[in-house]
PDB file of N, CA and C in Angstrom:
ATOM      1  N   MET A   1      24.528 -21.135   9.643  1.00  0.00           N
ATOM      2  CA  MET A   1      24.683 -20.216   8.542  1.00  0.00           C
ATOM      3  C   MET A   1      24.293 -18.818   9.024  1.00  0.00           C
ATOM      4  N   ALA A   2      25.117 -17.838   8.747  1.00  0.00           N
ATOM      5  CA  ALA A   2      24.882 -16.465   9.194  1.00  0.00           C
ATOM      6  C   ALA A   2      23.827 -15.782   8.331  1.00  0.00           C
ATOM      7  N   ARG A   3      23.011 -14.956   8.992  1.00  0.00           N
ATOM      8  CA  ARG A   3      21.985 -14.204   8.265  1.00  0.00           C
ATOM      9  C   ARG A   3      22.610 -12.973   7.638  1.00  0.00           C
ATOM     10  N   PRO A   4      22.137 -12.565   6.473  1.00  0.00           N
ATOM     11  CA  PRO A   4      22.667 -11.339   5.867  1.00  0.00           C
ATOM     12  C   PRO A   4      22.217 -10.124   6.674  1.00  0.00           C
ATOM     13  N   PRO A   5      22.996  -9.042   6.635  1.00  0.00           N
ATOM     14  CA  PRO A   5      22.606  -7.838   7.389  1.00  0.00           C
ATOM     15  C   PRO A   5      21.350  -7.212   6.791  1.00  0.00           C
ATOM     16  N   PRO A   6      20.565  -6.498   7.621  1.00  0.00           N
ATOM     17  CA  PRO A   6      19.364  -5.850   7.089  1.00  0.00           C
ATOM     18  C   PRO A   6      19.729  -4.773   6.076  1.00  0.00           C
ATOM     19  N   PRO A   7      18.847  -4.481   5.131  1.00  0.00           N
ATOM     20  CA  PRO A   7      19.164  -3.476   4.113  1.00  0.00           C
ATOM     21  C   PRO A   7      19.263  -2.077   4.721  1.00  0.00           C
ATOM     22  N   THR A   8      20.146  -1.286   4.141  1.00  0.00           N
ATOM     23  CA  THR A   8      20.311   0.095   4.597  1.00  0.00           C
ATOM     24  C   THR A   8      19.271   0.985   3.908  1.00  0.00           C
ATOM     25  N   ASP A   9      19.201   2.260   4.348  1.00  0.00           N
ATOM     26  CA  ASP A   9      18.236   3.188   3.765  1.00  0.00           C
ATOM     27  C   ASP A   9      18.491   3.417   2.283  1.00  0.00           C
ATOM     28  N   GLU A  10      19.771   3.456   1.885  1.00  0.00           N
ATOM     29  CA  GLU A  10      20.073   3.674   0.467  1.00  0.00           C
ATOM     30  C   GLU A  10      19.611   2.498  -0.384  1.00  0.00           C
ATOM     31  N   GLN A  11      19.730   1.278   0.154  1.00  0.00           N
ATOM     32  CA  GLN A  11      19.284   0.114  -0.594  1.00  0.00           C
ATOM     33  C   GLN A  11      17.770   0.098  -0.723  1.00  0.00           C
ATOM     34  N   LEU A  12      17.065   0.566   0.310  1.00  0.00           N
ATOM     35  CA  LEU A  12      15.608   0.609   0.232  1.00  0.00           C
ATOM     36  C   LEU A  12      15.137   1.643  -0.777  1.00  0.00           C
ATOM     37  N   LEU A  13      15.882   2.737  -0.898  1.00  0.00           N
ATOM     38  CA  LEU A  13      15.485   3.795  -1.813  1.00  0.00           C
ATOM     39  C   LEU A  13      15.942   3.553  -3.242  1.00  0.00           C
ATOM     40  N   SER A  14      16.819   2.587  -3.450  1.00  0.00           N
ATOM     41  CA  SER A  14      17.330   2.380  -4.798  1.00  0.00           C
ATOM     42  C   SER A  14      16.204   2.029  -5.765  1.00  0.00           C
ATOM     43  N   ARG A  15      15.209   1.316  -5.280  1.00  0.00           N
ATOM     44  CA  ARG A  15      14.077   0.960  -6.128  1.00  0.00           C
ATOM     45  C   ARG A  15      12.797   1.065  -5.313  1.00  0.00           C
ATOM     46  N   VAL A  16      12.039   2.114  -5.544  1.00  0.00           N
ATOM     47  CA  VAL A  16      10.742   2.261  -4.907  1.00  0.00           C
ATOM     48  C   VAL A  16       9.702   1.841  -5.923  1.00  0.00           C
ATOM     49  N   ARG A  17       8.844   0.945  -5.523  1.00  0.00           N
ATOM     50  CA  ARG A  17       7.836   0.430  -6.453  1.00  0.00           C
ATOM     51  C   ARG A  17       6.763   1.490  -6.695  1.00  0.00           C
ATOM     52  N   ILE A  18       6.535   1.791  -7.948  1.00  0.00           N
ATOM     53  CA  ILE A  18       5.550   2.786  -8.363  1.00  0.00           C
ATOM     54  C   ILE A  18       4.389   2.040  -9.019  1.00  0.00           C
ATOM     55  N   PRO A  19       3.156   2.513  -8.836  1.00  0.00           N
ATOM     56  CA  PRO A  19       2.006   1.813  -9.430  1.00  0.00           C
ATOM     57  C   PRO A  19       2.115   1.709 -10.947  1.00  0.00           C
ATOM     58  N   ARG A  20       1.829   0.508 -11.449  1.00  0.00           N
ATOM     59  CA  ARG A  20       1.836   0.259 -12.896  1.00  0.00           C
ATOM     60  C   ARG A  20       0.479  -0.264 -13.316  1.00  0.00           C
ATOM     61  N   GLY A  21       0.024   0.132 -14.468  1.00  0.00           N
ATOM     62  CA  GLY A  21      -1.233  -0.380 -14.999  1.00  0.00           C
ATOM     63  C   GLY A  21      -2.409   0.039 -14.138  1.00  0.00           C
ATOM     64  N   GLU A  22      -3.149  -0.931 -13.641  1.00  0.00           N
ATOM     65  CA  GLU A  22      -4.348  -0.659 -12.845  1.00  0.00           C
ATOM     66  C   GLU A  22      -4.040  -0.464 -11.363  1.00  0.00           C
ATOM     67  N   GLU A  23      -2.804  -0.697 -10.938  1.00  0.00           N
ATOM     68  CA  GLU A  23      -2.459  -0.579  -9.523  1.00  0.00           C
ATOM     69  C   GLU A  23      -2.643   0.864  -9.047  1.00  0.00           C
ATOM     70  N   VAL A  24      -3.013   1.011  -7.769  1.00  0.00           N
ATOM     71  CA  VAL A  24      -3.280   2.329  -7.214  1.00  0.00           C
ATOM     72  C   VAL A  24      -2.762   2.370  -5.770  1.00  0.00           C
ATOM     73  N   LEU A  25      -2.285   3.540  -5.356  1.00  0.00           N
ATOM     74  CA  LEU A  25      -1.833   3.735  -3.984  1.00  0.00           C
ATOM     75  C   LEU A  25      -3.024   3.993  -3.075  1.00  0.00           C
ATOM     76  N   GLY A  26      -2.895   3.625  -1.812  1.00  0.00           N
ATOM     77  CA  GLY A  26      -3.970   3.860  -0.865  1.00  0.00           C
ATOM     78  C   GLY A  26      -3.467   3.887   0.559  1.00  0.00           C
ATOM     79  N   ARG A  27      -4.304   4.409   1.451  1.00  0.00           N
ATOM     80  CA  ARG A  27      -4.000   4.450   2.880  1.00  0.00           C
ATOM     81  C   ARG A  27      -4.956   3.515   3.610  1.00  0.00           C
ATOM     82  N   LEU A  28      -4.400   2.681   4.485  1.00  0.00           N
ATOM     83  CA  LEU A  28      -5.204   1.737   5.239  1.00  0.00           C
ATOM     84  C   LEU A  28      -5.993   2.499   6.296  1.00  0.00           C
ATOM     85  N   GLU A  29      -7.303   2.429   6.218  1.00  0.00           N
ATOM     86  CA  GLU A  29      -8.177   3.147   7.148  1.00  0.00           C
ATOM     87  C   GLU A  29      -8.567   2.274   8.339  1.00  0.00           C
ATOM     88  N   GLN A  30      -8.872   0.984   8.084  1.00  0.00           N
ATOM     89  CA  GLN A  30      -9.386   0.138   9.157  1.00  0.00           C
ATOM     90  C   GLN A  30      -9.067  -1.319   8.867  1.00  0.00           C
ATOM     91  N   ARG A  31      -8.699  -2.061   9.915  1.00  0.00           N
ATOM     92  CA  ARG A  31      -8.526  -3.510   9.788  1.00  0.00           C
ATOM     93  C   ARG A  31      -9.853  -4.168  10.111  1.00  0.00           C
ATOM     94  N   ASN A  32     -10.314  -5.056   9.250  1.00  0.00           N
ATOM     95  CA  ASN A  32     -11.618  -5.682   9.429  1.00  0.00           C
ATOM     96  C   ASN A  32     -11.539  -7.117   9.939  1.00  0.00           C
ATOM     97  N   GLY A  33     -10.358  -7.691   9.990  1.00  0.00           N
ATOM     98  CA  GLY A  33     -10.205  -9.075  10.406  1.00  0.00           C
ATOM     99  C   GLY A  33     -10.239 -10.013   9.216  1.00  0.00           C
ATOM    100  N   ALA A  34      -9.786 -11.244   9.439  1.00  0.00           N
ATOM    101  CA  ALA A  34      -9.747 -12.271   8.388  1.00  0.00           C
ATOM    102  C   ALA A  34      -8.943 -11.793   7.184  1.00  0.00           C
ATOM    103  N   SER A  35      -7.822 -11.098   7.436  1.00  0.00           N
ATOM    104  CA  SER A  35      -6.902 -10.554   6.425  1.00  0.00           C
ATOM    105  C   SER A  35      -7.588  -9.602   5.445  1.00  0.00           C
ATOM    106  N   ARG A  36      -8.600  -8.894   5.923  1.00  0.00           N
ATOM    107  CA  ARG A  36      -9.280  -7.882   5.105  1.00  0.00           C
ATOM    108  C   ARG A  36      -9.131  -6.517   5.757  1.00  0.00           C
ATOM    109  N   CYS A  37      -9.053  -5.481   4.916  1.00  0.00           N
ATOM    110  CA  CYS A  37      -8.863  -4.115   5.393  1.00  0.00           C
ATOM    111  C   CYS A  37      -9.686  -3.164   4.534  1.00  0.00           C
ATOM    112  N   THR A  38     -10.048  -2.037   5.132  1.00  0.00           N
ATOM    113  CA  THR A  38     -10.689  -0.967   4.379  1.00  0.00           C
ATOM    114  C   THR A  38      -9.609   0.022   3.980  1.00  0.00           C
ATOM    115  N   ILE A  39      -9.501   0.280   2.679  1.00  0.00           N
ATOM    116  CA  ILE A  39      -8.442   1.138   2.157  1.00  0.00           C
ATOM    117  C   ILE A  39      -9.060   2.281   1.382  1.00  0.00           C
ATOM    118  N   ARG A  40      -8.620   3.503   1.674  1.00  0.00           N
ATOM    119  CA  ARG A  40      -9.036   4.668   0.897  1.00  0.00           C
ATOM    120  C   ARG A  40      -7.959   4.890  -0.165  1.00  0.00           C
ATOM    121  N   CYS A  41      -8.337   4.688  -1.423  1.00  0.00           N
ATOM    122  CA  CYS A  41      -7.388   4.754  -2.533  1.00  0.00           C
ATOM    123  C   CYS A  41      -7.302   6.175  -3.090  1.00  0.00           C
ATOM    124  N   LEU A  42      -6.201   6.449  -3.779  1.00  0.00           N
ATOM    125  CA  LEU A  42      -5.972   7.784  -4.324  1.00  0.00           C
ATOM    126  C   LEU A  42      -6.850   8.097  -5.526  1.00  0.00           C
ATOM    127  N   ASP A  43      -7.550   7.106  -6.067  1.00  0.00           N
ATOM    128  CA  ASP A  43      -8.476   7.393  -7.163  1.00  0.00           C
ATOM    129  C   ASP A  43      -9.843   7.817  -6.637  1.00  0.00           C
ATOM    130  N   GLY A  44      -9.967   8.007  -5.305  1.00  0.00           N
ATOM    131  CA  GLY A  44     -11.193   8.511  -4.711  1.00  0.00           C
ATOM    132  C   GLY A  44     -12.167   7.440  -4.267  1.00  0.00           C
ATOM    133  N   LYS A  45     -11.808   6.174  -4.393  1.00  0.00           N
ATOM    134  CA  LYS A  45     -12.711   5.087  -4.018  1.00  0.00           C
ATOM    135  C   LYS A  45     -12.229   4.427  -2.737  1.00  0.00           C
ATOM    136  N   THR A  46     -13.166   3.924  -1.965  1.00  0.00           N
ATOM    137  CA  THR A  46     -12.839   3.154  -0.770  1.00  0.00           C
ATOM    138  C   THR A  46     -13.100   1.694  -1.078  1.00  0.00           C
ATOM    139  N   ARG A  47     -12.077   0.861  -0.893  1.00  0.00           N
ATOM    140  CA  ARG A  47     -12.167  -0.544  -1.253  1.00  0.00           C
ATOM    141  C   ARG A  47     -11.959  -1.433  -0.032  1.00  0.00           C
ATOM    142  N   ILE A  48     -12.640  -2.578  -0.030  1.00  0.00           N
ATOM    143  CA  ILE A  48     -12.371  -3.646   0.926  1.00  0.00           C
ATOM    144  C   ILE A  48     -11.298  -4.514   0.269  1.00  0.00           C
ATOM    145  N   CYS A  49     -10.119  -4.532   0.855  1.00  0.00           N
ATOM    146  CA  CYS A  49      -9.001  -5.254   0.243  1.00  0.00           C
ATOM    147  C   CYS A  49      -8.568  -6.394   1.147  1.00  0.00           C
ATOM    148  N   ARG A  50      -8.034  -7.415   0.526  1.00  0.00           N
ATOM    149  CA  ARG A  50      -7.549  -8.561   1.282  1.00  0.00           C
ATOM    150  C   ARG A  50      -6.055  -8.728   1.051  1.00  0.00           C
ATOM    151  N   ILE A  51      -5.417  -9.408   1.975  1.00  0.00           N
ATOM    152  CA  ILE A  51      -4.017  -9.770   1.805  1.00  0.00           C
ATOM    153  C   ILE A  51      -4.007 -11.181   1.228  1.00  0.00           C
ATOM    154  N   PRO A  52      -3.460 -11.382   0.034  1.00  0.00           N
ATOM    155  CA  PRO A  52      -3.477 -12.708  -0.584  1.00  0.00           C
ATOM    156  C   PRO A  52      -2.735 -13.740   0.270  1.00  0.00           C
ATOM    157  N   GLY A  53      -3.064 -14.998   0.091  1.00  0.00           N
ATOM    158  CA  GLY A  53      -2.485 -16.067   0.887  1.00  0.00           C
ATOM    159  C   GLY A  53      -0.973 -16.148   0.823  1.00  0.00           C
ATOM    160  N   ARG A  54      -0.390 -15.850  -0.323  1.00  0.00           N
ATOM    161  CA  ARG A  54       1.064 -15.933  -0.453  1.00  0.00           C
ATOM    162  C   ARG A  54       1.781 -14.866   0.362  1.00  0.00           C
ATOM    163  N   LEU A  55       1.085 -13.775   0.720  1.00  0.00           N
ATOM    164  CA  LEU A  55       1.683 -12.695   1.504  1.00  0.00           C
ATOM    165  C   LEU A  55       1.170 -12.649   2.943  1.00  0.00           C
ATOM    166  N   LYS A  56       0.245 -13.513   3.291  1.00  0.00           N
ATOM    167  CA  LYS A  56      -0.466 -13.404   4.565  1.00  0.00           C
ATOM    168  C   LYS A  56       0.460 -13.394   5.772  1.00  0.00           C
ATOM    169  N   ARG A  57       1.494 -14.203   5.780  1.00  0.00           N
ATOM    170  CA  ARG A  57       2.387 -14.275   6.927  1.00  0.00           C
ATOM    171  C   ARG A  57       3.561 -13.301   6.817  1.00  0.00           C
ATOM    172  N   ARG A  58       3.807 -12.769   5.645  1.00  0.00           N
ATOM    173  CA  ARG A  58       4.942 -11.859   5.438  1.00  0.00           C
ATOM    174  C   ARG A  58       4.564 -10.390   5.512  1.00  0.00           C
ATOM    175  N   LEU A  59       3.318 -10.057   5.271  1.00  0.00           N
ATOM    176  CA  LEU A  59       2.897  -8.666   5.169  1.00  0.00           C
ATOM    177  C   LEU A  59       2.052  -8.289   6.382  1.00  0.00           C
ATOM    178  N   TRP A  60       2.604  -7.454   7.253  1.00  0.00           N
ATOM    179  CA  TRP A  60       1.905  -6.992   8.435  1.00  0.00           C
ATOM    180  C   TRP A  60       1.576  -5.527   8.244  1.00  0.00           C
ATOM    181  N   VAL A  61       0.308  -5.185   8.363  1.00  0.00           N
ATOM    182  CA  VAL A  61      -0.123  -3.809   8.112  1.00  0.00           C
ATOM    183  C   VAL A  61      -0.827  -3.241   9.341  1.00  0.00           C
ATOM    184  N   ARG A  62      -0.773  -1.907   9.452  1.00  0.00           N
ATOM    185  CA  ARG A  62      -1.454  -1.179  10.521  1.00  0.00           C
ATOM    186  C   ARG A  62      -2.234  -0.033   9.907  1.00  0.00           C
ATOM    187  N   GLU A  63      -3.108   0.553  10.708  1.00  0.00           N
ATOM    188  CA  GLU A  63      -3.865   1.701  10.226  1.00  0.00           C
ATOM    189  C   GLU A  63      -2.905   2.849   9.928  1.00  0.00           C
ATOM    190  N   GLY A  64      -3.142   3.521   8.808  1.00  0.00           N
ATOM    191  CA  GLY A  64      -2.303   4.633   8.386  1.00  0.00           C
ATOM    192  C   GLY A  64      -1.183   4.249   7.444  1.00  0.00           C
ATOM    193  N   ASP A  65      -0.946   2.962   7.222  1.00  0.00           N
ATOM    194  CA  ASP A  65       0.104   2.526   6.299  1.00  0.00           C
ATOM    195  C   ASP A  65      -0.274   2.868   4.859  1.00  0.00           C
ATOM    196  N   ILE A  66       0.734   3.192   4.063  1.00  0.00           N
ATOM    197  CA  ILE A  66       0.546   3.410   2.627  1.00  0.00           C
ATOM    198  C   ILE A  66       0.823   2.086   1.929  1.00  0.00           C
ATOM    199  N   VAL A  67      -0.136   1.625   1.134  1.00  0.00           N
ATOM    200  CA  VAL A  67      -0.027   0.333   0.472  1.00  0.00           C
ATOM    201  C   VAL A  67      -0.328   0.477  -1.023  1.00  0.00           C
ATOM    202  N   LEU A  68       0.044  -0.542  -1.753  1.00  0.00           N
ATOM    203  CA  LEU A  68      -0.239  -0.621  -3.181  1.00  0.00           C
ATOM    204  C   LEU A  68      -1.353  -1.638  -3.375  1.00  0.00           C
ATOM    205  N   VAL A  69      -2.418  -1.228  -4.052  1.00  0.00           N
ATOM    206  CA  VAL A  69      -3.613  -2.052  -4.214  1.00  0.00           C
ATOM    207  C   VAL A  69      -3.815  -2.385  -5.687  1.00  0.00           C
ATOM    208  N   LYS A  70      -4.154  -3.637  -5.942  1.00  0.00           N
ATOM    209  CA  LYS A  70      -4.538  -4.051  -7.300  1.00  0.00           C
ATOM    210  C   LYS A  70      -6.025  -4.360  -7.279  1.00  0.00           C
ATOM    211  N   PRO A  71      -6.841  -3.514  -7.919  1.00  0.00           N
ATOM    212  CA  PRO A  71      -8.291  -3.763  -7.934  1.00  0.00           C
ATOM    213  C   PRO A  71      -8.618  -5.062  -8.666  1.00  0.00           C
ATOM    214  N   TRP A  72      -9.680  -5.716  -8.209  1.00  0.00           N
ATOM    215  CA  TRP A  72     -10.128  -6.933  -8.870  1.00  0.00           C
ATOM    216  C   TRP A  72     -10.739  -6.590 -10.222  1.00  0.00           C
ATOM    217  N   GLU A  73     -10.719  -7.565 -11.136  1.00  0.00           N
ATOM    218  CA  GLU A  73     -11.370  -7.362 -12.430  1.00  0.00           C
ATOM    219  C   GLU A  73     -12.881  -7.288 -12.253  1.00  0.00           C
ATOM    220  N   PHE A  74     -13.409  -8.102 -11.352  1.00  0.00           N
ATOM    221  CA  PHE A  74     -14.839  -8.115 -11.044  1.00  0.00           C
ATOM    222  C   PHE A  74     -15.029  -7.332  -9.748  1.00  0.00           C
ATOM    223  N   GLU A  75     -15.942  -6.378  -9.714  1.00  0.00           N
ATOM    224  CA  GLU A  75     -16.165  -5.498  -8.561  1.00  0.00           C
ATOM    225  C   GLU A  75     -14.906  -4.697  -8.222  1.00  0.00           C
ATOM    226  N   GLY A  76     -14.188  -4.234  -9.225  1.00  0.00           N
ATOM    227  CA  GLY A  76     -12.932  -3.520  -9.015  1.00  0.00           C
ATOM    228  C   GLY A  76     -13.079  -2.187  -8.308  1.00  0.00           C
ATOM    229  N   ASP A  77     -14.282  -1.586  -8.342  1.00  0.00           N
ATOM    230  CA  ASP A  77     -14.479  -0.307  -7.670  1.00  0.00           C
ATOM    231  C   ASP A  77     -14.640  -0.463  -6.165  1.00  0.00           C
ATOM    232  N   SER A  78     -14.940  -1.668  -5.695  1.00  0.00           N
ATOM    233  CA  SER A  78     -15.169  -1.858  -4.267  1.00  0.00           C
ATOM    234  C   SER A  78     -14.272  -2.916  -3.635  1.00  0.00           C
ATOM    235  N   ARG A  79     -13.500  -3.658  -4.426  1.00  0.00           N
ATOM    236  CA  ARG A  79     -12.662  -4.733  -3.892  1.00  0.00           C
ATOM    237  C   ARG A  79     -11.284  -4.724  -4.534  1.00  0.00           C
ATOM    238  N   GLY A  80     -10.300  -5.292  -3.821  1.00  0.00           N
ATOM    239  CA  GLY A  80      -8.954  -5.369  -4.350  1.00  0.00           C
ATOM    240  C   GLY A  80      -8.047  -6.209  -3.478  1.00  0.00           C
ATOM    241  N   ASP A  81      -6.791  -6.338  -3.903  1.00  0.00           N
ATOM    242  CA  ASP A  81      -5.762  -7.073  -3.170  1.00  0.00           C
ATOM    243  C   ASP A  81      -4.650  -6.115  -2.777  1.00  0.00           C
ATOM    244  N   ILE A  82      -4.134  -6.259  -1.568  1.00  0.00           N
ATOM    245  CA  ILE A  82      -2.956  -5.508  -1.134  1.00  0.00           C
ATOM    246  C   ILE A  82      -1.749  -6.287  -1.618  1.00  0.00           C
ATOM    247  N   ILE A  83      -0.916  -5.656  -2.439  1.00  0.00           N
ATOM    248  CA  ILE A  83       0.221  -6.392  -2.997  1.00  0.00           C
ATOM    249  C   ILE A  83       1.567  -5.885  -2.491  1.00  0.00           C
ATOM    250  N   PHE A  84       1.592  -4.710  -1.834  1.00  0.00           N
ATOM    251  CA  PHE A  84       2.866  -4.178  -1.358  1.00  0.00           C
ATOM    252  C   PHE A  84       2.618  -3.147  -0.262  1.00  0.00           C
ATOM    253  N   LYS A  85       3.491  -3.113   0.738  1.00  0.00           N
ATOM    254  CA  LYS A  85       3.428  -2.104   1.798  1.00  0.00           C
ATOM    255  C   LYS A  85       4.707  -1.273   1.739  1.00  0.00           C
ATOM    256  N   TYR A  86       4.543   0.043   1.755  1.00  0.00           N
ATOM    257  CA  TYR A  86       5.691   0.939   1.695  1.00  0.00           C
ATOM    258  C   TYR A  86       6.254   1.192   3.080  1.00  0.00           C
ATOM    259  N   ARG A  87       7.566   1.231   3.189  1.00  0.00           N
ATOM    260  CA  ARG A  87       8.246   1.568   4.436  1.00  0.00           C
ATOM    261  C   ARG A  87       8.279   3.082   4.593  1.00  0.00           C
ATOM    262  N   PRO A  88       8.494   3.581   5.816  1.00  0.00           N
ATOM    263  CA  PRO A  88       8.448   5.039   6.031  1.00  0.00           C
ATOM    264  C   PRO A  88       9.390   5.840   5.135  1.00  0.00           C
ATOM    265  N   ILE A  89      10.583   5.349   4.882  1.00  0.00           N
ATOM    266  CA  ILE A  89      11.517   6.099   4.028  1.00  0.00           C
ATOM    267  C   ILE A  89      11.037   6.112   2.582  1.00  0.00           C
ATOM    268  N   GLN A  90      10.348   5.045   2.163  1.00  0.00           N
ATOM    269  CA  GLN A  90       9.793   5.008   0.821  1.00  0.00           C
ATOM    270  C   GLN A  90       8.606   5.951   0.700  1.00  0.00           C
ATOM    271  N   VAL A  91       7.837   6.105   1.782  1.00  0.00           N
ATOM    272  CA  VAL A  91       6.695   7.029   1.780  1.00  0.00           C
ATOM    273  C   VAL A  91       7.196   8.463   1.632  1.00  0.00           C
ATOM    274  N   THR A  92       8.285   8.816   2.319  1.00  0.00           N
ATOM    275  CA  THR A  92       8.819  10.176   2.173  1.00  0.00           C
ATOM    276  C   THR A  92       9.316  10.408   0.753  1.00  0.00           C
ATOM    277  N   TRP A  93       9.892   9.385   0.118  1.00  0.00           N
ATOM    278  CA  TRP A  93      10.331   9.528  -1.271  1.00  0.00           C
ATOM    279  C   TRP A  93       9.134   9.739  -2.194  1.00  0.00           C
ATOM    280  N   LEU A  94       8.052   8.997  -1.954  1.00  0.00           N
ATOM    281  CA  LEU A  94       6.845   9.160  -2.765  1.00  0.00           C
ATOM    282  C   LEU A  94       6.266  10.563  -2.594  1.00  0.00           C
ATOM    283  N   GLN A  95       6.298  11.094  -1.375  1.00  0.00           N
ATOM    284  CA  GLN A  95       5.789  12.443  -1.134  1.00  0.00           C
ATOM    285  C   GLN A  95       6.647  13.481  -1.830  1.00  0.00           C
ATOM    286  N   LYS A  96       7.965  13.331  -1.770  1.00  0.00           N
ATOM    287  CA  LYS A  96       8.871  14.290  -2.408  1.00  0.00           C
ATOM    288  C   LYS A  96       8.692  14.321  -3.916  1.00  0.00           C
ATOM    289  N   ASN A  97       8.386  13.178  -4.502  1.00  0.00           N
ATOM    290  CA  ASN A  97       8.253  13.089  -5.956  1.00  0.00           C
ATOM    291  C   ASN A  97       6.823  13.267  -6.443  1.00  0.00           C
ATOM    292  N   GLY A  98       5.911  13.640  -5.548  1.00  0.00           N
ATOM    293  CA  GLY A  98       4.563  14.015  -5.965  1.00  0.00           C
ATOM    294  C   GLY A  98       3.588  12.888  -6.207  1.00  0.00           C
ATOM    295  N   HIS A  99       3.908  11.672  -5.774  1.00  0.00           N
ATOM    296  CA  HIS A  99       2.988  10.556  -5.997  1.00  0.00           C
ATOM    297  C   HIS A  99       1.845  10.533  -4.992  1.00  0.00           C
ATOM    298  N   LEU A 100       2.000  11.223  -3.860  1.00  0.00           N
ATOM    299  CA  LEU A 100       0.973  11.221  -2.820  1.00  0.00           C
ATOM    300  C   LEU A 100       0.305  12.581  -2.672  1.00  0.00           C
ATOM    301  N   ASP A 101       0.284  13.384  -3.732  1.00  0.00           N
ATOM    302  CA  ASP A 101      -0.319  14.714  -3.657  1.00  0.00           C
ATOM    303  C   ASP A 101      -1.812  14.652  -3.359  1.00  0.00           C
ATOM    304  N   LYS A 102      -2.521  13.698  -3.923  1.00  0.00           N
ATOM    305  CA  LYS A 102      -3.967  13.592  -3.715  1.00  0.00           C
ATOM    306  C   LYS A 102      -4.306  13.177  -2.295  1.00  0.00           C
ATOM    307  N   LEU A 103      -3.331  12.585  -1.591  1.00  0.00           N
ATOM    308  CA  LEU A 103      -3.568  12.108  -0.227  1.00  0.00           C
ATOM    309  C   LEU A 103      -3.884  13.276   0.715  1.00  0.00           C
ATOM    310  N   SER A 104      -3.219  14.397   0.554  1.00  0.00           N
ATOM    311  CA  SER A 104      -3.476  15.541   1.418  1.00  0.00           C
ATOM    312  C   SER A 104      -4.864  16.131   1.128  1.00  0.00           C
ATOM    313  N   ASP A 105      -5.328  16.060  -0.116  1.00  0.00           N
ATOM    314  CA  ASP A 105      -6.672  16.540  -0.456  1.00  0.00           C
ATOM    315  C   ASP A 105      -7.739  15.649   0.203  1.00  0.00           C
ATOM    316  N   MET A 106      -7.492  14.349   0.288  1.00  0.00           N
ATOM    317  CA  MET A 106      -8.456  13.421   0.862  1.00  0.00           C
ATOM    318  C   MET A 106      -8.546  13.584   2.373  1.00  0.00           C
ATOM    319  N   ASP A 107      -7.477  14.021   3.024  1.00  0.00           N
ATOM    320  CA  ASP A 107      -7.479  14.177   4.476  1.00  0.00           C
ATOM    321  C   ASP A 107      -8.405  15.302   4.936  1.00  0.00           C
ATOM    322  N   GLU A 108      -8.753  16.221   4.045  1.00  0.00           N
ATOM    323  CA  GLU A 108      -9.598  17.351   4.417  1.00  0.00           C
ATOM    324  C   GLU A 108     -11.035  16.937   4.682  1.00  0.00           C
ATOM    325  N   PHE A 109     -11.481  15.825   4.148  1.00  0.00           N
ATOM    326  CA  PHE A 109     -12.881  15.405   4.304  1.00  0.00           C
ATOM    327  C   PHE A 109     -13.159  14.904   5.698  1.00  0.00           C
TER     328      PHE A 109
END
């Protein structure tokens, strides 16, 4: 059975996932091992986030990646789950539309 072709740039941009509800954007600062990472979120908090088991083999992240984080209900200011990783073309779309404006302010520290 033939594999479908990879998605084009237009298909990736057709729907860019935007944070809803409690979800927040963040930049991966450090990989800690055991599917845990330190993420600096756009709400000004630094969280220890994990990659859930259902995404563990599908989601590969590196330092500097822009990710979508869902804070935990308990200890939500310091912990969370990584639920989505943005591709480079999606990151440029987020920057153009003003979703990553706070990110440049955080880089000054």
